[in-house]
Amino acid sequence: MNSLIGTKELLAQLATLKNVIQDFSAREQKLNTTFRDQSAKENNAFATKEQQQVAAASERMAAAKEDFAVAQERLQARIARRKTRISRAYNAVRDIQPGGAAGFGGCGTAARCGTGVGRD
């Protein structure tokens, strides 16, 4: 024989089901709230860390620019000193050589270089 569930038993089971659904809904809301709170904390931490990294990168970039400018000035000063030394050496050779610095190329005289002077 099949016994049908009585009205009181059916109402009792429906009440139980309703309580279970309410408990489940409450747990879901609690989990969602916890998730939103945790997500907000992590997003804030991420944003803070990102700002710190941007600030640190900006500081490093500024320091690198400053170092580059100092190195560039140093190099320009070195080039200027070298240019001055070359000019002094050129002037010294021009003053020493009877024909000027133009004859200072390794040949010495036109006759030895074969430029036509003294050639047959």
C-alpha atoms as a PDB file:
ATOM      1  CA  MET A   1       0.000   0.000   0.000  1.00  0.00           C
ATOM      2  CA  ASN A   2       1.105   3.381  -0.847  1.00  0.00           C
ATOM      3  CA  SER A   3       0.669   5.829   1.912  1.00  0.00           C
ATOM      4  CA  LEU A   4       0.299   9.409   0.933  1.00  0.00           C
ATOM      5  CA  ILE A   5       2.002  12.038   2.955  1.00  0.00           C
ATOM      6  CA  GLY A   6      -0.464  13.642   5.263  1.00  0.00           C
ATOM      7  CA  THR A   7      -1.162  17.346   5.291  1.00  0.00           C
ATOM      8  CA  LYS A   8       0.562  17.889   8.640  1.00  0.00           C
ATOM      9  CA  GLU A   9       3.659  16.011   7.539  1.00  0.00           C
ATOM     10  CA  LEU A  10       3.713  17.902   4.256  1.00  0.00           C
ATOM     11  CA  LEU A  11       3.455  21.244   6.074  1.00  0.00           C
ATOM     12  CA  ALA A  12       6.213  20.162   8.474  1.00  0.00           C
ATOM     13  CA  GLN A  13       8.522  19.188   5.596  1.00  0.00           C
ATOM     14  CA  LEU A  14       7.744  22.445   3.774  1.00  0.00           C
ATOM     15  CA  ALA A  15       8.581  24.398   6.942  1.00  0.00           C
ATOM     16  CA  THR A  16      11.848  22.464   7.232  1.00  0.00           C
ATOM     17  CA  LEU A  17      12.636  23.158   3.587  1.00  0.00           C
ATOM     18  CA  LYS A  18      11.837  26.842   4.105  1.00  0.00           C
ATOM     19  CA  ASN A  19      14.215  26.988   7.105  1.00  0.00           C
ATOM     20  CA  VAL A  20      16.957  25.241   5.156  1.00  0.00           C
ATOM     21  CA  ILE A  21      16.545  27.686   2.272  1.00  0.00           C
ATOM     22  CA  GLN A  22      16.626  30.658   4.653  1.00  0.00           C
ATOM     23  CA  ASP A  23      19.776  29.292   6.327  1.00  0.00           C
ATOM     24  CA  PHE A  24      21.352  28.750   2.941  1.00  0.00           C
ATOM     25  CA  SER A  25      20.402  32.275   1.829  1.00  0.00           C
ATOM     26  CA  ALA A  26      21.828  33.751   5.041  1.00  0.00           C
ATOM     27  CA  ARG A  27      25.104  31.837   4.563  1.00  0.00           C
ATOM     28  CA  GLU A  28      25.263  32.991   0.941  1.00  0.00           C
ATOM     29  CA  GLN A  29      24.772  36.618   1.994  1.00  0.00           C
ATOM     30  CA  LYS A  30      27.445  36.233   4.662  1.00  0.00           C
ATOM     31  CA  LEU A  31      29.862  34.734   2.117  1.00  0.00           C
ATOM     32  CA  ASN A  32      29.097  37.496  -0.378  1.00  0.00           C
ATOM     33  CA  THR A  33      29.668  40.142   2.281  1.00  0.00           C
ATOM     34  CA  THR A  34      32.938  38.497   3.312  1.00  0.00           C
ATOM     35  CA  PHE A  35      33.996  38.262  -0.330  1.00  0.00           C
ATOM     36  CA  ARG A  36      33.188  41.940  -0.997  1.00  0.00           C
ATOM     37  CA  ASP A  37      35.067  43.020   2.146  1.00  0.00           C
ATOM     38  CA  GLN A  38      38.098  40.907   1.291  1.00  0.00           C
ATOM     39  CA  SER A  39      38.030  42.093  -2.331  1.00  0.00           C
ATOM     40  CA  ALA A  40      37.837  45.717  -1.207  1.00  0.00           C
ATOM     41  CA  LYS A  41      40.794  45.222   1.167  1.00  0.00           C
ATOM     42  CA  GLU A  42      42.865  43.562  -1.548  1.00  0.00           C
ATOM     43  CA  ASN A  43      41.935  46.226  -4.101  1.00  0.00           C
ATOM     44  CA  ASN A  44      42.999  48.916  -1.629  1.00  0.00           C
ATOM     45  CA  ALA A  45      46.239  47.068  -0.922  1.00  0.00           C
ATOM     46  CA  PHE A  46      46.854  46.692  -4.644  1.00  0.00           C
ATOM     47  CA  ALA A  47      46.173  50.382  -5.293  1.00  0.00           C
ATOM     48  CA  THR A  48      48.479  51.381  -2.425  1.00  0.00           C
ATOM     49  CA  LYS A  49      51.250  49.097  -3.679  1.00  0.00           C
ATOM     50  CA  GLU A  50      50.793  50.413  -7.209  1.00  0.00           C
ATOM     51  CA  GLN A  51      51.089  54.012  -5.986  1.00  0.00           C
ATOM     52  CA  GLN A  52      54.226  53.115  -4.050  1.00  0.00           C
ATOM     53  CA  GLN A  53      55.740  51.469  -7.114  1.00  0.00           C
ATOM     54  CA  VAL A  54      54.871  54.464  -9.299  1.00  0.00           C
ATOM     55  CA  ALA A  55      56.426  56.822  -6.753  1.00  0.00           C
ATOM     56  CA  ALA A  56      59.555  54.669  -6.513  1.00  0.00           C
ATOM     57  CA  ALA A  57      59.809  54.451 -10.302  1.00  0.00           C
ATOM     58  CA  SER A  58      59.455  58.234 -10.559  1.00  0.00           C
ATOM     59  CA  GLU A  59      62.226  58.707  -8.015  1.00  0.00           C
ATOM     60  CA  ARG A  60      64.471  56.272  -9.875  1.00  0.00           C
ATOM     61  CA  MET A  61      63.710  58.037 -13.162  1.00  0.00           C
ATOM     62  CA  ALA A  62      64.533  61.433 -11.665  1.00  0.00           C
ATOM     63  CA  ALA A  63      67.779  60.071 -10.236  1.00  0.00           C
ATOM     64  CA  ALA A  64      68.669  58.490 -13.586  1.00  0.00           C
ATOM     65  CA  LYS A  65      67.963  61.762 -15.402  1.00  0.00           C
ATOM     66  CA  GLU A  66      70.152  63.625 -12.934  1.00  0.00           C
ATOM     67  CA  ASP A  67      72.946  61.066 -13.282  1.00  0.00           C
ATOM     68  CA  PHE A  68      72.672  61.294 -17.062  1.00  0.00           C
ATOM     69  CA  ALA A  69      72.880  65.083 -16.964  1.00  0.00           C
ATOM     70  CA  VAL A  70      75.956  64.932 -14.708  1.00  0.00           C
ATOM     71  CA  ALA A  71      77.609  62.354 -16.976  1.00  0.00           C
ATOM     72  CA  GLN A  72      76.780  64.442 -20.039  1.00  0.00           C
ATOM     73  CA  GLU A  73      78.309  67.561 -18.469  1.00  0.00           C
ATOM     74  CA  ARG A  74      81.388  65.568 -17.477  1.00  0.00           C
ATOM     75  CA  LEU A  75      81.747  64.255 -21.028  1.00  0.00           C
ATOM     76  CA  GLN A  76      81.318  67.722 -22.533  1.00  0.00           C
ATOM     77  CA  ALA A  77      83.986  69.086 -20.186  1.00  0.00           C
ATOM     78  CA  ARG A  78      86.283  66.215 -21.160  1.00  0.00           C
ATOM     79  CA  ILE A  79      85.708  66.918 -24.858  1.00  0.00           C
ATOM     80  CA  ALA A  80      86.397  70.622 -24.308  1.00  0.00           C
ATOM     81  CA  ARG A  81      89.656  69.826 -22.473  1.00  0.00           C
ATOM     82  CA  ARG A  82      90.680  67.439 -25.260  1.00  0.00           C
ATOM     83  CA  LYS A  83      89.864  70.035 -27.892  1.00  0.00           C
ATOM     84  CA  THR A  84      91.964  72.578 -26.000  1.00  0.00           C
ATOM     85  CA  ARG A  85      94.904  70.146 -25.776  1.00  0.00           C
ATOM     86  CA  ILE A  86      94.676  69.388 -29.493  1.00  0.00           C
ATOM     87  CA  SER A  87      94.590  73.110 -30.316  1.00  0.00           C
ATOM     88  CA  ARG A  88      97.626  73.766 -28.114  1.00  0.00           C
ATOM     89  CA  ALA A  89      99.525  70.878 -29.687  1.00  0.00           C
ATOM     90  CA  TYR A  90      98.621  72.078 -33.183  1.00  0.00           C
ATOM     91  CA  ASN A  91      99.741  75.610 -32.370  1.00  0.00           C
ATOM     92  CA  ALA A  92     102.957  74.323 -30.816  1.00  0.00           C
ATOM     93  CA  VAL A  93     103.751  72.235 -33.902  1.00  0.00           C
ATOM     94  CA  ARG A  94     102.871  75.145 -36.198  1.00  0.00           C
ATOM     95  CA  ASP A  95     105.217  77.403 -34.255  1.00  0.00           C
ATOM     96  CA  ILE A  96     108.046  74.818 -34.345  1.00  0.00           C
ATOM     97  CA  GLN A  97     107.715  73.719 -37.996  1.00  0.00           C
ATOM     98  CA  PRO A  98     109.140  76.148 -40.529  1.00  0.00           C
ATOM     99  CA  GLY A  99     106.411  75.369 -43.043  1.00  0.00           C
ATOM    100  CA  GLY A 100     103.636  75.366 -40.475  1.00  0.00           C
ATOM    101  CA  ALA A 101     101.516  72.472 -39.379  1.00  0.00           C
ATOM    102  CA  ALA A 102     100.418  71.748 -42.938  1.00  0.00           C
ATOM    103  CA  GLY A 103     103.762  70.101 -43.637  1.00  0.00           C
ATOM    104  CA  PHE A 104     103.365  67.965 -40.550  1.00  0.00           C
ATOM    105  CA  GLY A 105     101.919  64.881 -42.176  1.00  0.00           C
ATOM    106  CA  GLY A 106     104.769  62.466 -42.139  1.00  0.00           C
ATOM    107  CA  CYS A 107     106.559  63.403 -45.363  1.00  0.00           C
ATOM    108  CA  GLY A 108     108.576  66.320 -44.076  1.00  0.00           C
ATOM    109  CA  THR A 109     109.487  67.938 -47.423  1.00  0.00           C
ATOM    110  CA  ALA A 110     107.809  68.169 -50.783  1.00  0.00           C
ATOM    111  CA  ALA A 111     110.795  66.497 -52.500  1.00  0.00           C
ATOM    112  CA  ARG A 112     110.479  63.377 -50.351  1.00  0.00           C
ATOM    113  CA  CYS A 113     106.718  63.187 -50.785  1.00  0.00           C
ATOM    114  CA  GLY A 114     106.915  63.299 -54.541  1.00  0.00           C
ATOM    115  CA  THR A 115     104.721  66.308 -55.059  1.00  0.00           C
ATOM    116  CA  GLY A 116     106.592  67.479 -58.090  1.00  0.00           C
ATOM    117  CA  VAL A 117     109.113  69.729 -56.450  1.00  0.00           C
ATOM    118  CA  GLY A 118     112.585  68.538 -57.346  1.00  0.00           C
ATOM    119  CA  ARG A 119     111.334  65.870 -59.792  1.00  0.00           C
ATOM    120  CA  ASP A 120     112.635  65.422 -63.284  1.00  0.00           C
END
